[in-house]
Each structure stands twice: as structure tokens, then as C-alpha cells.
Amino acid sequence: MDERDVFWSALRWVGLEHLRVRADGSGVMLDGLIIAQRESPQRLAYRIRCDASWTARAVELRRLDGGAGLALEGDGAGHWRLGGGARLTALDGCTDVDFALTPATNTLPIRRLGLAPYQAVDIAVAYVEFPSLMPRPVSQRYTRLADRVYRYESSTFRADLPVDDYGLVLDYPGVWKRMAAG
């Protein structure tokens, strides 16, 4: 089993995130905790279970203030259900999931796509905004610029993301900065 812990500090608001990634031959689990002060204080816990190819299969977001959370189940082929129940046809074609409040979800397409240098790919993601936790389909583009640098684009937003050897973001310019361990 491979296990990693990372911490990010928010740059646009007061905030901190801890992420633990556990991977074995059968899949990957991202287990995160976000504490942020934006419009109001937000304390969120999340888990994303991926298969061995880093494709999201189950997503759970919990508000630690007792508010409504979100649970999604994916089939790995771009179809999602709400907590194992109703099918979310609006998300058809979305293989990845992206949370607006964390750099952790950028790792999923970076690892899953395995881009060659200068290769770019357009993807559809189930984008979850905070504090609403309502998923919606969004188009994104990932381009591998260098060995460990990826350009992320969505609508008019663009950021060049340096990553570590595991594909975890080191610096999300102006938004999040990875903190040194220890």
C-alpha cells in the first residue's frame, strides 16, 4: 500500500486542507478535510474512491456543520447516480469529478490521462461548487507542458500547475500553496 499525506494553505481566503491518498493494486482513495473562511466558515470532509486507473467511482462530501452533503456513484464510463439512487443524466459523459474548493481533484485527470509532453485533452467533469454542493457538467482542458507541469483550463480560467512525482499539485497560483511536511 502506498500512502501519502499533503497539506495546502489557501491564498485567496483563510483556509487549510489535509489530504491523505491511499493506493493499492485495486484502487485509490482520496480522503480530505477542508477548513475555509470564504463568505462564511466552511468545514468539509470528502472521500473519492477511484479504480486502479484513477477513474472516480464514488464521491462523498460531508459538511461538518450538519448541513446537507452529497454522495455520487459513477460507473467509470461517465454515468452518475445520486447516492446509488436517481441517475443524473445531466452528468452523462463526465468521467472525472472536480471540487471548486481543492487542488486535490486535479490529480485525478493528471493521473488518469497519462499525457505525453505537449499533449492536450478536453474532458467533461462533474464540477461541484461550494457551498451549494450541486454538481454540474463543465468542460476542462489539461495540457502537459513539462515533466511535472500541467496547464489547467476551464472557460476563461487558466493555471499552470506544477505537481510532485505523484501528480499532486504543489502550487495552484494565487489560490493554494502546498505546505512543507514536518
N, C-alpha and C. Protein backbone atom coordinates (compact mmCIF):
# COMPACT_ATOMS: atom_id res chain seq x y z
N MET A 1 0.84 -1.18 0.00
CA MET A 1 0.00 0.00 0.00
C MET A 1 0.88 1.24 0.00
N ASP A 2 0.52 2.20 -0.83
CA ASP A 2 1.20 3.48 -0.91
C ASP A 2 0.30 4.50 -0.23
N GLU A 3 0.85 5.26 0.72
CA GLU A 3 0.06 6.26 1.44
C GLU A 3 0.84 7.57 1.49
N ARG A 4 0.14 8.67 1.21
CA ARG A 4 0.76 10.00 1.24
C ARG A 4 -0.17 10.98 1.93
N ASP A 5 0.43 11.90 2.68
CA ASP A 5 -0.30 12.99 3.30
C ASP A 5 0.25 14.30 2.78
N VAL A 6 -0.65 15.20 2.39
CA VAL A 6 -0.23 16.53 1.95
C VAL A 6 -1.14 17.58 2.59
N PHE A 7 -0.59 18.79 2.71
CA PHE A 7 -1.33 19.92 3.25
C PHE A 7 -1.20 21.07 2.28
N TRP A 8 -2.30 21.80 2.10
CA TRP A 8 -2.29 23.03 1.30
C TRP A 8 -2.81 24.17 2.16
N SER A 9 -2.25 25.35 1.92
CA SER A 9 -2.73 26.56 2.56
C SER A 9 -3.39 27.42 1.49
N ALA A 10 -4.58 27.94 1.80
CA ALA A 10 -5.30 28.80 0.87
C ALA A 10 -4.62 30.16 0.79
N LEU A 11 -4.64 30.75 -0.40
CA LEU A 11 -4.02 32.06 -0.61
C LEU A 11 -5.05 33.17 -0.83
N ARG A 12 -6.25 32.84 -1.32
CA ARG A 12 -7.28 33.85 -1.58
C ARG A 12 -8.22 34.07 -0.40
N TRP A 13 -8.20 33.16 0.55
CA TRP A 13 -9.04 33.23 1.73
C TRP A 13 -8.30 32.53 2.85
N VAL A 14 -8.80 32.57 4.04
CA VAL A 14 -8.20 31.84 5.14
C VAL A 14 -8.62 30.39 4.99
N GLY A 15 -7.66 29.47 4.93
CA GLY A 15 -8.04 28.08 4.77
C GLY A 15 -6.87 27.13 4.77
N LEU A 16 -7.19 25.88 5.03
CA LEU A 16 -6.21 24.80 5.10
C LEU A 16 -6.88 23.52 4.62
N GLU A 17 -6.11 22.68 3.96
CA GLU A 17 -6.61 21.36 3.56
C GLU A 17 -5.57 20.30 3.90
N HIS A 18 -6.07 19.18 4.40
CA HIS A 18 -5.25 17.99 4.59
C HIS A 18 -5.83 16.91 3.69
N LEU A 19 -4.96 16.25 2.93
CA LEU A 19 -5.36 15.15 2.06
C LEU A 19 -4.50 13.94 2.36
N ARG A 20 -5.15 12.81 2.51
CA ARG A 20 -4.45 11.53 2.61
C ARG A 20 -4.85 10.71 1.39
N VAL A 21 -3.85 10.23 0.66
CA VAL A 21 -4.08 9.40 -0.52
C VAL A 21 -3.56 8.00 -0.20
N ARG A 22 -4.42 7.01 -0.41
CA ARG A 22 -4.04 5.61 -0.21
C ARG A 22 -4.27 4.88 -1.53
N ALA A 23 -3.25 4.18 -1.99
CA ALA A 23 -3.37 3.44 -3.25
C ALA A 23 -2.85 2.03 -3.06
N ASP A 24 -3.55 1.09 -3.65
CA ASP A 24 -3.07 -0.29 -3.73
C ASP A 24 -3.44 -0.81 -5.12
N GLY A 25 -3.24 -2.05 -5.38
CA GLY A 25 -3.48 -2.61 -6.70
C GLY A 25 -4.93 -2.53 -7.16
N SER A 26 -5.85 -2.40 -6.23
CA SER A 26 -7.27 -2.39 -6.61
C SER A 26 -7.84 -0.99 -6.80
N GLY A 27 -7.16 0.04 -6.31
CA GLY A 27 -7.69 1.37 -6.48
C GLY A 27 -7.03 2.40 -5.60
N VAL A 28 -7.65 3.58 -5.56
CA VAL A 28 -7.11 4.73 -4.87
C VAL A 28 -8.23 5.37 -4.05
N MET A 29 -7.87 5.84 -2.85
CA MET A 29 -8.82 6.57 -2.01
C MET A 29 -8.21 7.92 -1.67
N LEU A 30 -8.94 9.00 -1.97
CA LEU A 30 -8.57 10.34 -1.55
C LEU A 30 -9.47 10.70 -0.38
N ASP A 31 -8.88 11.05 0.74
CA ASP A 31 -9.62 11.35 1.96
C ASP A 31 -9.16 12.72 2.43
N GLY A 32 -10.04 13.73 2.32
CA GLY A 32 -9.63 15.10 2.58
C GLY A 32 -10.49 15.82 3.59
N LEU A 33 -9.90 16.85 4.17
CA LEU A 33 -10.58 17.74 5.11
C LEU A 33 -10.21 19.17 4.75
N ILE A 34 -11.23 20.01 4.54
CA ILE A 34 -11.04 21.41 4.17
C ILE A 34 -11.67 22.28 5.24
N ILE A 35 -10.90 23.25 5.71
CA ILE A 35 -11.41 24.25 6.63
C ILE A 35 -11.13 25.59 5.98
N ALA A 36 -12.19 26.36 5.70
CA ALA A 36 -12.01 27.61 4.97
C ALA A 36 -12.98 28.67 5.46
N GLN A 37 -12.53 29.91 5.39
CA GLN A 37 -13.37 31.06 5.67
C GLN A 37 -13.48 31.84 4.37
N ARG A 38 -14.60 31.66 3.69
CA ARG A 38 -14.86 32.44 2.48
C ARG A 38 -15.99 33.40 2.81
N GLU A 39 -17.17 33.24 2.21
CA GLU A 39 -18.31 34.07 2.60
C GLU A 39 -18.72 33.76 4.03
N SER A 40 -18.55 32.50 4.40
CA SER A 40 -18.84 32.04 5.77
C SER A 40 -17.88 30.89 6.06
N PRO A 41 -17.72 30.53 7.33
CA PRO A 41 -16.84 29.39 7.65
C PRO A 41 -17.37 28.09 7.02
N GLN A 42 -16.47 27.30 6.46
CA GLN A 42 -16.85 26.03 5.86
C GLN A 42 -15.90 24.95 6.36
N ARG A 43 -16.47 23.86 6.83
CA ARG A 43 -15.70 22.69 7.25
C ARG A 43 -16.28 21.51 6.49
N LEU A 44 -15.47 20.94 5.62
CA LEU A 44 -15.93 19.88 4.74
C LEU A 44 -14.98 18.69 4.77
N ALA A 45 -15.57 17.52 4.79
CA ALA A 45 -14.79 16.29 4.66
C ALA A 45 -15.22 15.62 3.36
N TYR A 46 -14.27 15.02 2.66
CA TYR A 46 -14.63 14.33 1.43
C TYR A 46 -13.83 13.04 1.28
N ARG A 47 -14.42 12.15 0.51
CA ARG A 47 -13.75 10.91 0.10
C ARG A 47 -14.07 10.68 -1.36
N ILE A 48 -13.04 10.33 -2.11
CA ILE A 48 -13.21 9.96 -3.52
C ILE A 48 -12.56 8.60 -3.69
N ARG A 49 -13.36 7.62 -4.08
CA ARG A 49 -12.82 6.28 -4.34
C ARG A 49 -12.68 6.13 -5.85
N CYS A 50 -11.47 5.78 -6.27
CA CYS A 50 -11.16 5.60 -7.70
C CYS A 50 -10.77 4.15 -7.95
N ASP A 51 -10.94 3.72 -9.18
CA ASP A 51 -10.42 2.41 -9.54
C ASP A 51 -8.91 2.53 -9.77
N ALA A 52 -8.29 1.46 -10.19
CA ALA A 52 -6.82 1.45 -10.35
C ALA A 52 -6.33 2.42 -11.43
N SER A 53 -7.22 2.85 -12.34
CA SER A 53 -6.82 3.79 -13.39
C SER A 53 -7.09 5.24 -13.00
N TRP A 54 -7.43 5.50 -11.74
CA TRP A 54 -7.71 6.82 -11.20
C TRP A 54 -9.03 7.40 -11.73
N THR A 55 -9.95 6.55 -12.13
CA THR A 55 -11.28 7.00 -12.53
C THR A 55 -12.18 7.01 -11.30
N ALA A 56 -12.80 8.15 -11.03
CA ALA A 56 -13.67 8.30 -9.85
C ALA A 56 -14.87 7.36 -9.95
N ARG A 57 -15.12 6.62 -8.88
CA ARG A 57 -16.25 5.69 -8.85
C ARG A 57 -17.25 6.03 -7.76
N ALA A 58 -16.80 6.63 -6.66
CA ALA A 58 -17.71 7.03 -5.57
C ALA A 58 -17.18 8.30 -4.94
N VAL A 59 -18.09 9.22 -4.66
CA VAL A 59 -17.75 10.52 -4.10
C VAL A 59 -18.66 10.78 -2.91
N GLU A 60 -18.06 11.22 -1.83
CA GLU A 60 -18.84 11.61 -0.66
C GLU A 60 -18.30 12.94 -0.13
N LEU A 61 -19.19 13.91 0.01
CA LEU A 61 -18.86 15.20 0.61
C LEU A 61 -19.76 15.38 1.82
N ARG A 62 -19.15 15.70 2.96
CA ARG A 62 -19.93 15.92 4.18
C ARG A 62 -19.60 17.28 4.75
N ARG A 63 -20.64 18.02 5.08
CA ARG A 63 -20.46 19.28 5.80
C ARG A 63 -20.33 18.93 7.27
N LEU A 64 -19.33 19.44 7.91
CA LEU A 64 -19.13 19.12 9.32
C LEU A 64 -19.93 20.03 10.23
N ASP A 65 -20.72 20.94 9.64
CA ASP A 65 -21.63 21.78 10.41
C ASP A 65 -23.03 21.19 10.47
N GLY A 66 -23.22 20.00 9.91
CA GLY A 66 -24.51 19.34 9.94
C GLY A 66 -25.38 19.61 8.73
N GLY A 67 -24.95 20.45 7.78
CA GLY A 67 -25.73 20.71 6.58
C GLY A 67 -25.75 19.51 5.65
N ALA A 68 -26.56 19.61 4.62
CA ALA A 68 -26.70 18.52 3.65
C ALA A 68 -25.39 18.24 2.94
N GLY A 69 -25.11 16.98 2.70
CA GLY A 69 -23.91 16.56 1.99
C GLY A 69 -24.25 16.10 0.59
N LEU A 70 -23.33 15.39 -0.02
CA LEU A 70 -23.51 14.89 -1.38
C LEU A 70 -22.84 13.53 -1.49
N ALA A 71 -23.54 12.58 -2.11
CA ALA A 71 -22.97 11.27 -2.41
C ALA A 71 -23.28 10.94 -3.86
N LEU A 72 -22.23 10.59 -4.61
CA LEU A 72 -22.36 10.23 -6.02
C LEU A 72 -21.71 8.88 -6.26
N GLU A 73 -22.27 8.10 -7.15
CA GLU A 73 -21.66 6.85 -7.58
C GLU A 73 -21.55 6.87 -9.10
N GLY A 74 -20.35 6.56 -9.59
CA GLY A 74 -20.11 6.55 -11.03
C GLY A 74 -19.79 5.15 -11.52
N ASP A 75 -20.09 4.90 -12.79
CA ASP A 75 -19.81 3.59 -13.37
C ASP A 75 -18.46 3.53 -14.07
N GLY A 76 -17.73 4.65 -14.08
CA GLY A 76 -16.43 4.69 -14.74
C GLY A 76 -16.52 4.99 -16.22
N ALA A 77 -17.74 5.03 -16.76
CA ALA A 77 -17.94 5.31 -18.18
C ALA A 77 -18.70 6.62 -18.40
N GLY A 78 -18.74 7.47 -17.35
CA GLY A 78 -19.38 8.77 -17.50
C GLY A 78 -20.84 8.82 -17.12
N HIS A 79 -21.30 7.90 -16.30
CA HIS A 79 -22.69 7.91 -15.82
C HIS A 79 -22.68 7.94 -14.30
N TRP A 80 -23.53 8.80 -13.73
CA TRP A 80 -23.54 9.02 -12.28
C TRP A 80 -24.93 8.83 -11.71
N ARG A 81 -24.93 8.38 -10.48
CA ARG A 81 -26.17 8.27 -9.70
C ARG A 81 -25.99 9.04 -8.41
N LEU A 82 -27.08 9.58 -7.92
CA LEU A 82 -27.09 10.29 -6.67
C LEU A 82 -27.24 9.29 -5.54
N GLY A 83 -26.17 9.10 -4.78
CA GLY A 83 -26.22 8.19 -3.63
C GLY A 83 -26.73 6.80 -3.96
N GLY A 84 -26.47 6.31 -5.14
CA GLY A 84 -26.92 4.98 -5.53
C GLY A 84 -28.36 4.94 -6.01
N GLY A 85 -29.02 6.10 -6.03
CA GLY A 85 -30.42 6.15 -6.43
C GLY A 85 -30.62 6.71 -7.82
N ALA A 86 -31.16 7.91 -7.89
CA ALA A 86 -31.55 8.53 -9.15
C ALA A 86 -30.33 8.80 -10.05
N ARG A 87 -30.51 8.47 -11.32
CA ARG A 87 -29.47 8.72 -12.31
C ARG A 87 -29.41 10.21 -12.62
N LEU A 88 -28.22 10.77 -12.71
CA LEU A 88 -28.01 12.18 -13.01
C LEU A 88 -27.61 12.32 -14.47
N THR A 89 -28.59 12.33 -15.35
CA THR A 89 -28.31 12.35 -16.79
C THR A 89 -27.58 13.62 -17.23
N ALA A 90 -27.72 14.70 -16.48
CA ALA A 90 -27.01 15.95 -16.82
C ALA A 90 -25.49 15.75 -16.77
N LEU A 91 -25.04 14.74 -16.01
CA LEU A 91 -23.60 14.48 -15.87
C LEU A 91 -23.09 13.42 -16.84
N ASP A 92 -23.94 12.95 -17.76
CA ASP A 92 -23.50 11.94 -18.73
C ASP A 92 -22.27 12.44 -19.49
N GLY A 93 -21.26 11.59 -19.55
CA GLY A 93 -20.01 11.92 -20.23
C GLY A 93 -18.94 12.47 -19.30
N CYS A 94 -19.30 12.75 -18.05
CA CYS A 94 -18.33 13.27 -17.08
C CYS A 94 -17.62 12.10 -16.40
N THR A 95 -16.38 11.90 -16.75
CA THR A 95 -15.61 10.80 -16.16
C THR A 95 -14.99 11.22 -14.84
N ASP A 96 -14.54 12.47 -14.76
CA ASP A 96 -13.87 12.96 -13.56
C ASP A 96 -14.82 13.80 -12.73
N VAL A 97 -14.40 14.05 -11.51
CA VAL A 97 -15.11 14.95 -10.61
C VAL A 97 -14.13 16.04 -10.19
N ASP A 98 -14.62 17.27 -10.05
CA ASP A 98 -13.77 18.39 -9.67
C ASP A 98 -14.50 19.20 -8.61
N PHE A 99 -13.84 19.41 -7.47
CA PHE A 99 -14.40 20.23 -6.40
C PHE A 99 -13.78 21.62 -6.50
N ALA A 100 -14.62 22.63 -6.45
CA ALA A 100 -14.16 24.01 -6.60
C ALA A 100 -13.22 24.45 -5.49
N LEU A 101 -13.23 23.79 -4.37
CA LEU A 101 -12.51 24.28 -3.20
C LEU A 101 -11.24 23.51 -2.87
N THR A 102 -10.70 22.73 -3.82
CA THR A 102 -9.50 21.95 -3.52
C THR A 102 -8.66 21.70 -4.76
N PRO A 103 -7.32 21.68 -4.62
CA PRO A 103 -6.46 21.27 -5.73
C PRO A 103 -6.35 19.75 -5.85
N ALA A 104 -6.86 19.01 -4.90
CA ALA A 104 -6.71 17.55 -4.90
C ALA A 104 -7.34 16.90 -6.12
N THR A 105 -8.49 17.42 -6.56
CA THR A 105 -9.19 16.77 -7.67
C THR A 105 -8.49 16.95 -9.01
N ASN A 106 -7.55 17.89 -9.12
CA ASN A 106 -6.76 18.00 -10.36
C ASN A 106 -5.90 16.76 -10.57
N THR A 107 -5.57 16.06 -9.50
CA THR A 107 -4.73 14.87 -9.60
C THR A 107 -5.43 13.75 -10.38
N LEU A 108 -6.76 13.67 -10.29
CA LEU A 108 -7.48 12.57 -10.95
C LEU A 108 -7.24 12.55 -12.46
N PRO A 109 -7.53 13.64 -13.21
CA PRO A 109 -7.25 13.57 -14.65
C PRO A 109 -5.76 13.54 -14.97
N ILE A 110 -4.94 14.20 -14.15
CA ILE A 110 -3.49 14.16 -14.40
C ILE A 110 -3.01 12.72 -14.37
N ARG A 111 -3.43 11.95 -13.38
CA ARG A 111 -3.01 10.54 -13.28
C ARG A 111 -3.73 9.67 -14.31
N ARG A 112 -5.03 9.87 -14.49
CA ARG A 112 -5.83 9.01 -15.37
C ARG A 112 -5.44 9.17 -16.84
N LEU A 113 -5.17 10.40 -17.27
CA LEU A 113 -4.92 10.64 -18.69
C LEU A 113 -3.53 10.21 -19.14
N GLY A 114 -2.53 10.28 -18.27
CA GLY A 114 -1.18 9.88 -18.66
C GLY A 114 -0.69 10.61 -19.89
N LEU A 115 -0.83 11.92 -19.92
CA LEU A 115 -0.49 12.71 -21.11
C LEU A 115 1.01 12.68 -21.42
N ALA A 116 1.32 12.66 -22.71
CA ALA A 116 2.69 12.80 -23.18
C ALA A 116 3.03 14.30 -23.17
N PRO A 117 4.31 14.65 -23.18
CA PRO A 117 4.67 16.07 -23.23
C PRO A 117 4.00 16.79 -24.40
N TYR A 118 3.42 17.96 -24.12
CA TYR A 118 2.73 18.84 -25.06
C TYR A 118 1.40 18.29 -25.55
N GLN A 119 0.97 17.16 -25.04
CA GLN A 119 -0.34 16.62 -25.40
C GLN A 119 -1.42 17.34 -24.59
N ALA A 120 -2.56 17.63 -25.24
CA ALA A 120 -3.69 18.27 -24.59
C ALA A 120 -4.93 17.42 -24.79
N VAL A 121 -5.79 17.40 -23.78
CA VAL A 121 -7.03 16.64 -23.85
C VAL A 121 -8.16 17.46 -23.23
N ASP A 122 -9.30 17.49 -23.92
CA ASP A 122 -10.51 18.11 -23.38
C ASP A 122 -11.32 17.03 -22.69
N ILE A 123 -11.81 17.35 -21.49
CA ILE A 123 -12.61 16.38 -20.73
C ILE A 123 -13.86 17.07 -20.18
N ALA A 124 -14.83 16.26 -19.84
CA ALA A 124 -16.04 16.74 -19.14
C ALA A 124 -15.95 16.23 -17.71
N VAL A 125 -16.23 17.13 -16.76
CA VAL A 125 -16.16 16.76 -15.35
C VAL A 125 -17.47 17.11 -14.66
N ALA A 126 -17.74 16.39 -13.59
CA ALA A 126 -18.84 16.75 -12.69
C ALA A 126 -18.24 17.75 -11.70
N TYR A 127 -18.57 19.02 -11.89
CA TYR A 127 -17.98 20.10 -11.11
C TYR A 127 -18.89 20.41 -9.93
N VAL A 128 -18.32 20.40 -8.72
CA VAL A 128 -19.10 20.63 -7.51
C VAL A 128 -18.66 21.95 -6.89
N GLU A 129 -19.59 22.91 -6.83
CA GLU A 129 -19.30 24.21 -6.25
C GLU A 129 -19.65 24.21 -4.77
N PHE A 130 -19.04 25.14 -4.03
CA PHE A 130 -19.30 25.30 -2.62
C PHE A 130 -19.90 26.68 -2.41
N PRO A 131 -20.84 26.84 -1.55
CA PRO A 131 -21.34 25.86 -0.59
C PRO A 131 -22.53 25.04 -1.08
N SER A 132 -22.99 25.22 -2.33
CA SER A 132 -24.21 24.56 -2.79
C SER A 132 -24.09 23.04 -2.89
N LEU A 133 -22.90 22.52 -3.20
CA LEU A 133 -22.66 21.09 -3.43
C LEU A 133 -23.52 20.51 -4.55
N MET A 134 -23.89 21.34 -5.50
CA MET A 134 -24.68 20.89 -6.64
C MET A 134 -23.74 20.59 -7.81
N PRO A 135 -23.64 19.33 -8.25
CA PRO A 135 -22.76 19.02 -9.37
C PRO A 135 -23.37 19.44 -10.70
N ARG A 136 -22.49 19.92 -11.59
CA ARG A 136 -22.92 20.28 -12.94
C ARG A 136 -21.80 19.94 -13.92
N PRO A 137 -22.15 19.67 -15.17
CA PRO A 137 -21.11 19.34 -16.15
C PRO A 137 -20.32 20.59 -16.56
N VAL A 138 -19.00 20.43 -16.65
CA VAL A 138 -18.11 21.53 -17.05
C VAL A 138 -17.04 20.95 -17.97
N SER A 139 -16.70 21.69 -19.01
CA SER A 139 -15.60 21.30 -19.90
C SER A 139 -14.29 21.84 -19.37
N GLN A 140 -13.27 21.01 -19.41
CA GLN A 140 -11.93 21.40 -18.97
C GLN A 140 -10.91 20.87 -19.96
N ARG A 141 -9.75 21.50 -19.94
CA ARG A 141 -8.64 21.06 -20.79
C ARG A 141 -7.39 20.93 -19.93
N TYR A 142 -6.70 19.81 -20.11
CA TYR A 142 -5.41 19.59 -19.47
C TYR A 142 -4.36 19.45 -20.55
N THR A 143 -3.25 20.17 -20.40
CA THR A 143 -2.13 20.10 -21.32
C THR A 143 -0.87 19.85 -20.50
N ARG A 144 -0.11 18.85 -20.89
CA ARG A 144 1.16 18.61 -20.21
C ARG A 144 2.22 19.51 -20.83
N LEU A 145 2.73 20.46 -20.03
CA LEU A 145 3.69 21.43 -20.53
C LEU A 145 5.14 20.97 -20.36
N ALA A 146 5.39 20.20 -19.32
CA ALA A 146 6.73 19.72 -19.00
C ALA A 146 6.57 18.44 -18.18
N ASP A 147 7.69 17.89 -17.75
CA ASP A 147 7.65 16.64 -17.00
C ASP A 147 6.65 16.69 -15.85
N ARG A 148 6.68 17.77 -15.08
CA ARG A 148 5.79 17.87 -13.91
C ARG A 148 5.03 19.19 -13.88
N VAL A 149 4.60 19.66 -15.05
CA VAL A 149 3.80 20.88 -15.11
C VAL A 149 2.63 20.66 -16.09
N TYR A 150 1.42 20.97 -15.61
CA TYR A 150 0.21 20.80 -16.40
C TYR A 150 -0.55 22.11 -16.45
N ARG A 151 -1.06 22.45 -17.63
CA ARG A 151 -1.93 23.61 -17.75
C ARG A 151 -3.37 23.12 -17.61
N TYR A 152 -4.09 23.80 -16.72
CA TYR A 152 -5.50 23.52 -16.50
C TYR A 152 -6.29 24.70 -17.04
N GLU A 153 -7.31 24.42 -17.86
CA GLU A 153 -8.15 25.47 -18.42
C GLU A 153 -9.61 25.08 -18.29
N SER A 154 -10.42 26.06 -17.91
CA SER A 154 -11.87 25.87 -17.84
C SER A 154 -12.51 27.23 -18.07
N SER A 155 -13.31 27.32 -19.13
CA SER A 155 -13.93 28.58 -19.53
C SER A 155 -12.81 29.61 -19.74
N THR A 156 -12.82 30.72 -19.01
CA THR A 156 -11.79 31.74 -19.18
C THR A 156 -10.66 31.62 -18.17
N PHE A 157 -10.74 30.63 -17.27
CA PHE A 157 -9.71 30.45 -16.25
C PHE A 157 -8.59 29.55 -16.76
N ARG A 158 -7.34 29.92 -16.43
CA ARG A 158 -6.20 29.10 -16.82
C ARG A 158 -5.15 29.16 -15.72
N ALA A 159 -4.54 28.02 -15.40
CA ALA A 159 -3.47 27.97 -14.41
C ALA A 159 -2.47 26.90 -14.81
N ASP A 160 -1.20 27.20 -14.65
CA ASP A 160 -0.14 26.21 -14.86
C ASP A 160 0.19 25.62 -13.50
N LEU A 161 0.03 24.30 -13.39
CA LEU A 161 0.13 23.61 -12.11
C LEU A 161 1.37 22.72 -12.04
N PRO A 162 2.37 23.12 -11.26
CA PRO A 162 3.48 22.19 -11.01
C PRO A 162 2.98 21.10 -10.05
N VAL A 163 3.41 19.87 -10.30
CA VAL A 163 2.98 18.73 -9.48
C VAL A 163 4.21 17.96 -9.00
N ASP A 164 4.00 17.15 -7.96
CA ASP A 164 5.10 16.30 -7.48
C ASP A 164 5.14 15.02 -8.32
N ASP A 165 6.00 14.09 -7.93
CA ASP A 165 6.16 12.85 -8.69
C ASP A 165 4.91 11.97 -8.65
N TYR A 166 3.95 12.30 -7.80
CA TYR A 166 2.72 11.53 -7.66
C TYR A 166 1.55 12.19 -8.40
N GLY A 167 1.77 13.39 -8.93
CA GLY A 167 0.72 14.12 -9.63
C GLY A 167 -0.10 15.02 -8.73
N LEU A 168 0.37 15.25 -7.49
CA LEU A 168 -0.33 16.14 -6.56
C LEU A 168 0.19 17.57 -6.73
N VAL A 169 -0.72 18.51 -6.78
CA VAL A 169 -0.39 19.91 -7.03
C VAL A 169 0.53 20.47 -5.94
N LEU A 170 1.59 21.14 -6.38
CA LEU A 170 2.49 21.84 -5.47
C LEU A 170 2.07 23.30 -5.28
N ASP A 171 1.63 23.92 -6.38
CA ASP A 171 1.28 25.33 -6.34
C ASP A 171 0.13 25.56 -7.32
N TYR A 172 -0.98 26.09 -6.79
CA TYR A 172 -2.10 26.49 -7.62
C TYR A 172 -2.07 28.01 -7.58
N PRO A 173 -1.37 28.65 -8.53
CA PRO A 173 -1.01 30.06 -8.44
C PRO A 173 -2.16 30.97 -7.97
N GLY A 174 -1.90 31.65 -6.87
CA GLY A 174 -2.84 32.59 -6.32
C GLY A 174 -4.01 32.00 -5.57
N VAL A 175 -4.10 30.65 -5.51
CA VAL A 175 -5.25 30.01 -4.88
C VAL A 175 -4.82 29.11 -3.73
N TRP A 176 -3.94 28.14 -3.99
CA TRP A 176 -3.46 27.20 -2.97
C TRP A 176 -1.95 27.03 -3.09
N LYS A 177 -1.30 26.80 -2.00
CA LYS A 177 0.14 26.52 -1.98
C LYS A 177 0.38 25.33 -1.07
N ARG A 178 1.13 24.36 -1.57
CA ARG A 178 1.44 23.18 -0.77
C ARG A 178 2.37 23.56 0.35
N MET A 179 2.11 23.04 1.52
CA MET A 179 2.94 23.30 2.70
C MET A 179 3.96 22.20 2.84
N ALA A 180 5.12 22.54 3.31
CA ALA A 180 6.17 21.55 3.52
C ALA A 180 5.76 20.62 4.65
N ALA A 181 6.06 19.34 4.49
CA ALA A 181 5.77 18.35 5.53
C ALA A 181 6.72 18.55 6.70
N GLY A 182 6.24 18.20 7.91
CA GLY A 182 7.09 18.31 9.09
C GLY A 182 7.21 19.72 9.45
